[in-house]
Amino acid sequence: MIARATRHNKVFAALVAASAGIAVGSFPCVAQQGPDGAAPSDLQTPLEMQRPVEPEPDIAAPAEIDHLLAELARPDQPGWEQIEQSILREWSHSGSASMDLLLLRGRKAMAEGDLDAAIEHFTALTDHAPDFAEGWNARATAYFYAGYYGLSISDIQHALMLNPRHFGALSGLGFMLDTLGYESEALEALRAVEAIHPHRPEVIDAIERLEKTVEGERL
């Protein structure tokens, strides 16, 4: 997995380096609630673009994931939403039924607004399956909702080291950096998302806005 991360591209390495200085301990904690002041009711967020579905027993081969990602990257892909969900579902397979259950329980707790329980489940998952990228990404989402932005960014870094093409983790990093005022770094992160997944409207809109802010109006 680390070898695959090294081969991904230079943008990924730059993003990790840029975010390394703003990780754990850099930001104050806020109340345990979503950005709109309410506990999350669903997981369709920039950090975790998937609802809590029950993992299926079969795990796709890497070649199948590569094919799905290649199809997703096509700008003229009309079925991108179905492909996105297929990829996210496959990334939710740890290879262990007990680890998949921890992921499912954590997602359920997060959807119900019990962030403490969600973090406990996801922490158990990352402790017992440290090579499972989705465990880190899921806990990053819970930390984000709890207001622990430094911890969230740190977990996103772990997820991206294991799965550098995780567009959900990358978009989460980008939107969080944007919220925290790191606009140049946010733009790089969201451009990396666009290279993998050029279809999400919120990503496209954010890139256009950040380009105007960071690079100025284009003639």
C-alpha atoms as a PDB file:
ATOM      1  CA  MET A   1       0.000   0.000   0.000  1.00  0.00           C
ATOM      2  CA  ILE A   2       2.813   2.419   0.826  1.00  0.00           C
ATOM      3  CA  ALA A   3       4.418   1.672  -2.542  1.00  0.00           C
ATOM      4  CA  ARG A   4       1.176   2.546  -4.283  1.00  0.00           C
ATOM      5  CA  ALA A   5       1.032   5.809  -2.324  1.00  0.00           C
ATOM      6  CA  THR A   6       4.565   6.695  -3.415  1.00  0.00           C
ATOM      7  CA  ARG A   7       3.666   6.126  -7.055  1.00  0.00           C
ATOM      8  CA  HIS A   8       0.454   8.169  -6.931  1.00  0.00           C
ATOM      9  CA  ASN A   9       1.721  11.672  -7.785  1.00  0.00           C
ATOM     10  CA  LYS A  10       3.669  14.611  -6.439  1.00  0.00           C
ATOM     11  CA  VAL A  11       0.508  16.455  -5.469  1.00  0.00           C
ATOM     12  CA  PHE A  12      -0.283  13.919  -2.762  1.00  0.00           C
ATOM     13  CA  ALA A  13       3.158  14.299  -1.179  1.00  0.00           C
ATOM     14  CA  ALA A  14       2.846  18.072  -1.284  1.00  0.00           C
ATOM     15  CA  LEU A  15      -0.557  17.938   0.396  1.00  0.00           C
ATOM     16  CA  VAL A  16       0.702  15.790   3.243  1.00  0.00           C
ATOM     17  CA  ALA A  17       3.660  18.104   3.726  1.00  0.00           C
ATOM     18  CA  ALA A  18       1.451  21.191   3.625  1.00  0.00           C
ATOM     19  CA  SER A  19      -1.004  19.820   6.167  1.00  0.00           C
ATOM     20  CA  ALA A  20       1.625  18.319   8.473  1.00  0.00           C
ATOM     21  CA  GLY A  21       2.264  21.645  10.151  1.00  0.00           C
ATOM     22  CA  ILE A  22      -1.402  22.178  11.007  1.00  0.00           C
ATOM     23  CA  ALA A  23      -2.257  18.829  12.516  1.00  0.00           C
ATOM     24  CA  VAL A  24      -2.801  17.748  16.117  1.00  0.00           C
ATOM     25  CA  GLY A  25      -3.150  20.508  18.656  1.00  0.00           C
ATOM     26  CA  SER A  26      -3.269  23.421  16.217  1.00  0.00           C
ATOM     27  CA  PHE A  27      -6.942  24.264  16.702  1.00  0.00           C
ATOM     28  CA  PRO A  28      -9.245  24.699  19.695  1.00  0.00           C
ATOM     29  CA  CYS A  29     -12.051  22.237  20.228  1.00  0.00           C
ATOM     30  CA  VAL A  30     -15.633  23.252  19.622  1.00  0.00           C
ATOM     31  CA  ALA A  31     -18.942  21.807  20.724  1.00  0.00           C
ATOM     32  CA  GLN A  32     -19.816  18.329  19.540  1.00  0.00           C
ATOM     33  CA  GLN A  33     -22.164  19.256  16.740  1.00  0.00           C
ATOM     34  CA  GLY A  34     -22.219  19.524  12.993  1.00  0.00           C
ATOM     35  CA  PRO A  35     -21.279  22.688  11.102  1.00  0.00           C
ATOM     36  CA  ASP A  36     -24.955  23.734  10.990  1.00  0.00           C
ATOM     37  CA  GLY A  37     -25.299  23.414  14.752  1.00  0.00           C
ATOM     38  CA  ALA A  38     -26.999  20.015  14.703  1.00  0.00           C
ATOM     39  CA  ALA A  39     -25.722  16.481  15.057  1.00  0.00           C
ATOM     40  CA  PRO A  40     -25.182  14.748  11.705  1.00  0.00           C
ATOM     41  CA  SER A  41     -28.177  12.790  10.485  1.00  0.00           C
ATOM     42  CA  ASP A  42     -26.456  11.240   7.480  1.00  0.00           C
ATOM     43  CA  LEU A  43     -22.970  10.617   6.193  1.00  0.00           C
ATOM     44  CA  GLN A  44     -23.204  12.439   2.875  1.00  0.00           C
ATOM     45  CA  THR A  45     -20.497  14.968   3.792  1.00  0.00           C
ATOM     46  CA  PRO A  46     -17.224  16.085   2.201  1.00  0.00           C
ATOM     47  CA  LEU A  47     -15.307  13.827   4.594  1.00  0.00           C
ATOM     48  CA  GLU A  48     -17.418  10.700   4.333  1.00  0.00           C
ATOM     49  CA  MET A  49     -19.331  10.600   1.056  1.00  0.00           C
ATOM     50  CA  GLN A  50     -21.189   7.413   1.824  1.00  0.00           C
ATOM     51  CA  ARG A  51     -24.230   6.430   3.873  1.00  0.00           C
ATOM     52  CA  PRO A  52     -23.791   3.546   6.351  1.00  0.00           C
ATOM     53  CA  VAL A  53     -24.504   0.551   4.149  1.00  0.00           C
ATOM     54  CA  GLU A  54     -23.930  -3.011   5.266  1.00  0.00           C
ATOM     55  CA  PRO A  55     -20.683  -4.323   3.731  1.00  0.00           C
ATOM     56  CA  GLU A  56     -21.108  -7.070   1.167  1.00  0.00           C
ATOM     57  CA  PRO A  57     -19.086 -10.286   1.564  1.00  0.00           C
ATOM     58  CA  ASP A  58     -17.065 -10.098  -1.673  1.00  0.00           C
ATOM     59  CA  ILE A  59     -14.056  -7.811  -1.945  1.00  0.00           C
ATOM     60  CA  ALA A  60     -13.234  -6.429  -5.370  1.00  0.00           C
ATOM     61  CA  ALA A  61      -9.819  -7.170  -6.824  1.00  0.00           C
ATOM     62  CA  PRO A  62      -7.444  -4.192  -7.160  1.00  0.00           C
ATOM     63  CA  ALA A  63      -7.836  -4.381 -10.934  1.00  0.00           C
ATOM     64  CA  GLU A  64     -11.593  -3.892 -10.561  1.00  0.00           C
ATOM     65  CA  ILE A  65     -11.081  -0.857  -8.339  1.00  0.00           C
ATOM     66  CA  ASP A  66      -8.627   0.531 -10.888  1.00  0.00           C
ATOM     67  CA  HIS A  67     -11.229   0.058 -13.616  1.00  0.00           C
ATOM     68  CA  LEU A  68     -13.921   1.794 -11.554  1.00  0.00           C
ATOM     69  CA  LEU A  69     -11.615   4.712 -10.807  1.00  0.00           C
ATOM     70  CA  ALA A  70     -10.697   4.999 -14.488  1.00  0.00           C
ATOM     71  CA  GLU A  71     -14.380   5.136 -15.374  1.00  0.00           C
ATOM     72  CA  LEU A  72     -15.034   7.697 -12.630  1.00  0.00           C
ATOM     73  CA  ALA A  73     -12.250   9.929 -13.970  1.00  0.00           C
ATOM     74  CA  ARG A  74     -13.958  10.268 -17.360  1.00  0.00           C
ATOM     75  CA  PRO A  75     -15.352  13.839 -17.533  1.00  0.00           C
ATOM     76  CA  ASP A  76     -18.257  12.628 -19.687  1.00  0.00           C
ATOM     77  CA  GLN A  77     -19.237   9.791 -17.339  1.00  0.00           C
ATOM     78  CA  PRO A  78     -23.075   9.861 -16.986  1.00  0.00           C
ATOM     79  CA  GLY A  79     -23.161   7.124 -14.343  1.00  0.00           C
ATOM     80  CA  TRP A  80     -20.634   8.654 -11.990  1.00  0.00           C
ATOM     81  CA  GLU A  81     -22.876   8.537  -8.911  1.00  0.00           C
ATOM     82  CA  GLN A  82     -23.320   4.768  -9.155  1.00  0.00           C
ATOM     83  CA  ILE A  83     -19.597   4.295  -9.789  1.00  0.00           C
ATOM     84  CA  GLU A  84     -18.766   6.513  -6.813  1.00  0.00           C
ATOM     85  CA  GLN A  85     -20.960   4.444  -4.520  1.00  0.00           C
ATOM     86  CA  SER A  86     -19.483   1.185  -5.839  1.00  0.00           C
ATOM     87  CA  ILE A  87     -15.970   2.419  -5.088  1.00  0.00           C
ATOM     88  CA  LEU A  88     -16.885   3.654  -1.617  1.00  0.00           C
ATOM     89  CA  ARG A  89     -18.590   0.362  -0.860  1.00  0.00           C
ATOM     90  CA  GLU A  90     -15.508  -1.590  -1.904  1.00  0.00           C
ATOM     91  CA  TRP A  91     -13.281   0.666   0.173  1.00  0.00           C
ATOM     92  CA  SER A  92     -15.480  -0.201   3.157  1.00  0.00           C
ATOM     93  CA  HIS A  93     -14.334  -3.847   3.037  1.00  0.00           C
ATOM     94  CA  SER A  94     -11.553  -4.512   5.520  1.00  0.00           C
ATOM     95  CA  GLY A  95     -11.304  -8.237   4.826  1.00  0.00           C
ATOM     96  CA  SER A  96     -12.492  -9.017   8.349  1.00  0.00           C
ATOM     97  CA  ALA A  97     -16.128  -9.408   9.377  1.00  0.00           C
ATOM     98  CA  SER A  98     -15.417  -8.120  12.890  1.00  0.00           C
ATOM     99  CA  MET A  99     -13.620  -5.024  11.583  1.00  0.00           C
ATOM    100  CA  ASP A 100     -16.442  -4.358   9.115  1.00  0.00           C
ATOM    101  CA  LEU A 101     -18.862  -4.558  12.037  1.00  0.00           C
ATOM    102  CA  LEU A 102     -16.870  -1.943  13.960  1.00  0.00           C
ATOM    103  CA  LEU A 103     -17.034   0.333  10.924  1.00  0.00           C
ATOM    104  CA  LEU A 104     -20.774  -0.181  10.607  1.00  0.00           C
ATOM    105  CA  ARG A 105     -21.372   0.440  14.324  1.00  0.00           C
ATOM    106  CA  GLY A 106     -19.268   3.583  14.250  1.00  0.00           C
ATOM    107  CA  ARG A 107     -21.132   4.936  11.243  1.00  0.00           C
ATOM    108  CA  LYS A 108     -24.468   4.158  12.882  1.00  0.00           C
ATOM    109  CA  ALA A 109     -23.434   5.961  16.070  1.00  0.00           C
ATOM    110  CA  MET A 110     -22.252   8.958  14.063  1.00  0.00           C
ATOM    111  CA  ALA A 111     -25.493   9.091  12.081  1.00  0.00           C
ATOM    112  CA  GLU A 112     -27.361   9.116  15.414  1.00  0.00           C
ATOM    113  CA  GLY A 113     -25.222  11.957  16.711  1.00  0.00           C
ATOM    114  CA  ASP A 114     -23.371   9.895  19.337  1.00  0.00           C
ATOM    115  CA  LEU A 115     -19.900  11.113  18.449  1.00  0.00           C
ATOM    116  CA  ASP A 116     -18.211   9.714  21.562  1.00  0.00           C
ATOM    117  CA  ALA A 117     -19.413   6.207  20.712  1.00  0.00           C
ATOM    118  CA  ALA A 118     -18.485   6.661  17.060  1.00  0.00           C
ATOM    119  CA  ILE A 119     -14.948   7.707  17.962  1.00  0.00           C
ATOM    120  CA  GLU A 120     -14.642   4.725  20.315  1.00  0.00           C
ATOM    121  CA  HIS A 121     -15.700   2.283  17.590  1.00  0.00           C
ATOM    122  CA  PHE A 122     -13.424   3.865  15.001  1.00  0.00           C
ATOM    123  CA  THR A 123     -10.500   3.980  17.432  1.00  0.00           C
ATOM    124  CA  ALA A 124     -10.917   0.267  18.093  1.00  0.00           C
ATOM    125  CA  LEU A 125     -10.966  -0.217  14.334  1.00  0.00           C
ATOM    126  CA  THR A 126      -7.778   1.757  13.694  1.00  0.00           C
ATOM    127  CA  ASP A 127      -6.069   0.010  16.621  1.00  0.00           C
ATOM    128  CA  HIS A 128      -6.890  -3.479  15.335  1.00  0.00           C
ATOM    129  CA  ALA A 129      -6.723  -2.768  11.597  1.00  0.00           C
ATOM    130  CA  PRO A 130      -4.154   0.036  11.154  1.00  0.00           C
ATOM    131  CA  ASP A 131      -3.738  -0.775   7.442  1.00  0.00           C
ATOM    132  CA  PHE A 132      -7.457  -0.235   6.710  1.00  0.00           C
ATOM    133  CA  ALA A 133      -7.730   3.250   5.198  1.00  0.00           C
ATOM    134  CA  GLU A 134     -11.476   3.564   5.697  1.00  0.00           C
ATOM    135  CA  GLY A 135     -11.102   3.238   9.454  1.00  0.00           C
ATOM    136  CA  TRP A 136      -8.918   6.336   9.540  1.00  0.00           C
ATOM    137  CA  ASN A 137     -11.209   8.209   7.153  1.00  0.00           C
ATOM    138  CA  ALA A 138     -14.273   7.346   9.221  1.00  0.00           C
ATOM    139  CA  ARG A 139     -12.658   8.525  12.453  1.00  0.00           C
ATOM    140  CA  ALA A 140     -11.543  11.716  10.682  1.00  0.00           C
ATOM    141  CA  THR A 141     -15.210  12.382   9.951  1.00  0.00           C
ATOM    142  CA  ALA A 142     -16.200  11.849  13.576  1.00  0.00           C
ATOM    143  CA  TYR A 143     -13.373  14.077  14.794  1.00  0.00           C
ATOM    144  CA  PHE A 144     -14.481  16.753  12.320  1.00  0.00           C
ATOM    145  CA  TYR A 145     -18.021  16.758  13.680  1.00  0.00           C
ATOM    146  CA  ALA A 146     -16.675  16.826  17.245  1.00  0.00           C
ATOM    147  CA  GLY A 147     -14.578  19.887  16.407  1.00  0.00           C
ATOM    148  CA  TYR A 148     -11.187  18.169  16.730  1.00  0.00           C
ATOM    149  CA  TYR A 149      -9.832  19.538  13.472  1.00  0.00           C
ATOM    150  CA  GLY A 150      -6.177  18.749  14.107  1.00  0.00           C
ATOM    151  CA  LEU A 151      -6.984  15.129  14.932  1.00  0.00           C
ATOM    152  CA  SER A 152      -9.217  14.942  11.875  1.00  0.00           C
ATOM    153  CA  ILE A 153      -6.463  16.181   9.565  1.00  0.00           C
ATOM    154  CA  SER A 154      -4.003  13.745  11.153  1.00  0.00           C
ATOM    155  CA  ASP A 155      -6.367  10.827  10.475  1.00  0.00           C
ATOM    156  CA  ILE A 156      -6.896  12.005   6.895  1.00  0.00           C
ATOM    157  CA  GLN A 157      -3.131  11.881   6.442  1.00  0.00           C
ATOM    158  CA  HIS A 158      -3.142   8.244   7.613  1.00  0.00           C
ATOM    159  CA  ALA A 159      -5.994   7.420   5.240  1.00  0.00           C
ATOM    160  CA  LEU A 160      -4.211   9.007   2.283  1.00  0.00           C
ATOM    161  CA  MET A 161      -0.948   7.214   3.010  1.00  0.00           C
ATOM    162  CA  LEU A 162      -2.874   3.953   2.732  1.00  0.00           C
ATOM    163  CA  ASN A 163      -5.182   5.004  -0.107  1.00  0.00           C
ATOM    164  CA  PRO A 164      -3.917   8.125  -1.913  1.00  0.00           C
ATOM    165  CA  ARG A 165      -6.822   7.990  -4.373  1.00  0.00           C
ATOM    166  CA  HIS A 166      -9.441   8.301  -1.636  1.00  0.00           C
ATOM    167  CA  PHE A 167     -11.376  11.233  -3.040  1.00  0.00           C
ATOM    168  CA  GLY A 168     -13.555  11.407   0.084  1.00  0.00           C
ATOM    169  CA  ALA A 169     -10.556  11.913   2.368  1.00  0.00           C
ATOM    170  CA  LEU A 170      -8.962  14.355  -0.069  1.00  0.00           C
ATOM    171  CA  SER A 171     -12.133  16.409  -0.350  1.00  0.00           C
ATOM    172  CA  GLY A 172     -12.462  16.432   3.417  1.00  0.00           C
ATOM    173  CA  LEU A 173      -8.922  17.741   3.705  1.00  0.00           C
ATOM    174  CA  GLY A 174      -9.617  20.386   1.085  1.00  0.00           C
ATOM    175  CA  PHE A 175     -12.851  21.650   2.618  1.00  0.00           C
ATOM    176  CA  MET A 176     -11.368  21.685   6.105  1.00  0.00           C
ATOM    177  CA  LEU A 177      -8.276  23.600   4.978  1.00  0.00           C
ATOM    178  CA  ASP A 178     -10.553  26.065   3.199  1.00  0.00           C
ATOM    179  CA  THR A 179     -12.657  26.550   6.342  1.00  0.00           C
ATOM    180  CA  LEU A 180      -9.523  27.118   8.402  1.00  0.00           C
ATOM    181  CA  GLY A 181      -8.154  29.743   6.000  1.00  0.00           C
ATOM    182  CA  TYR A 182      -5.461  27.691   4.251  1.00  0.00           C
ATOM    183  CA  GLU A 183      -6.794  28.573   0.826  1.00  0.00           C
ATOM    184  CA  SER A 184      -3.767  27.676  -1.322  1.00  0.00           C
ATOM    185  CA  GLU A 185      -3.473  24.252   0.284  1.00  0.00           C
ATOM    186  CA  ALA A 186      -7.230  23.754  -0.004  1.00  0.00           C
ATOM    187  CA  LEU A 187      -7.076  24.513  -3.713  1.00  0.00           C
ATOM    188  CA  GLU A 188      -4.308  21.949  -4.236  1.00  0.00           C
ATOM    189  CA  ALA A 189      -6.283  19.313  -2.336  1.00  0.00           C
ATOM    190  CA  LEU A 190      -9.470  19.936  -4.294  1.00  0.00           C
ATOM    191  CA  ARG A 191      -7.605  19.906  -7.597  1.00  0.00           C
ATOM    192  CA  ALA A 192      -6.263  16.505  -6.592  1.00  0.00           C
ATOM    193  CA  VAL A 193      -9.858  15.401  -5.966  1.00  0.00           C
ATOM    194  CA  GLU A 194     -10.914  16.710  -9.369  1.00  0.00           C
ATOM    195  CA  ALA A 195      -8.174  14.715 -11.086  1.00  0.00           C
ATOM    196  CA  ILE A 196      -9.612  11.526  -9.571  1.00  0.00           C
ATOM    197  CA  HIS A 197     -13.305  12.450  -9.436  1.00  0.00           C
ATOM    198  CA  PRO A 198     -14.236  15.388 -11.695  1.00  0.00           C
ATOM    199  CA  HIS A 199     -17.978  15.289 -11.042  1.00  0.00           C
ATOM    200  CA  ARG A 200     -18.840  16.514  -7.534  1.00  0.00           C
ATOM    201  CA  PRO A 201     -20.571  19.920  -7.929  1.00  0.00           C
ATOM    202  CA  GLU A 202     -19.398  21.204  -4.537  1.00  0.00           C
ATOM    203  CA  VAL A 203     -15.781  20.427  -5.445  1.00  0.00           C
ATOM    204  CA  ILE A 204     -16.053  22.137  -8.833  1.00  0.00           C
ATOM    205  CA  ASP A 205     -17.656  25.224  -7.279  1.00  0.00           C
ATOM    206  CA  ALA A 206     -15.032  25.410  -4.521  1.00  0.00           C
ATOM    207  CA  ILE A 207     -12.175  25.152  -7.022  1.00  0.00           C
ATOM    208  CA  GLU A 208     -13.612  27.998  -9.107  1.00  0.00           C
ATOM    209  CA  ARG A 209     -14.027  30.162  -6.013  1.00  0.00           C
ATOM    210  CA  LEU A 210     -10.558  29.398  -4.644  1.00  0.00           C
ATOM    211  CA  GLU A 211      -8.899  29.985  -8.010  1.00  0.00           C
ATOM    212  CA  LYS A 212     -10.317  33.520  -8.004  1.00  0.00           C
ATOM    213  CA  THR A 213      -9.145  34.091  -4.435  1.00  0.00           C
ATOM    214  CA  VAL A 214      -5.703  32.484  -4.697  1.00  0.00           C
ATOM    215  CA  GLU A 215      -4.768  33.201  -8.290  1.00  0.00           C
ATOM    216  CA  GLY A 216      -6.943  36.222  -9.066  1.00  0.00           C
ATOM    217  CA  GLU A 217      -9.484  36.709 -11.803  1.00  0.00           C
ATOM    218  CA  ARG A 218      -8.397  35.060 -15.027  1.00  0.00           C
ATOM    219  CA  LEU A 219      -8.433  37.200 -18.149  1.00  0.00           C
END
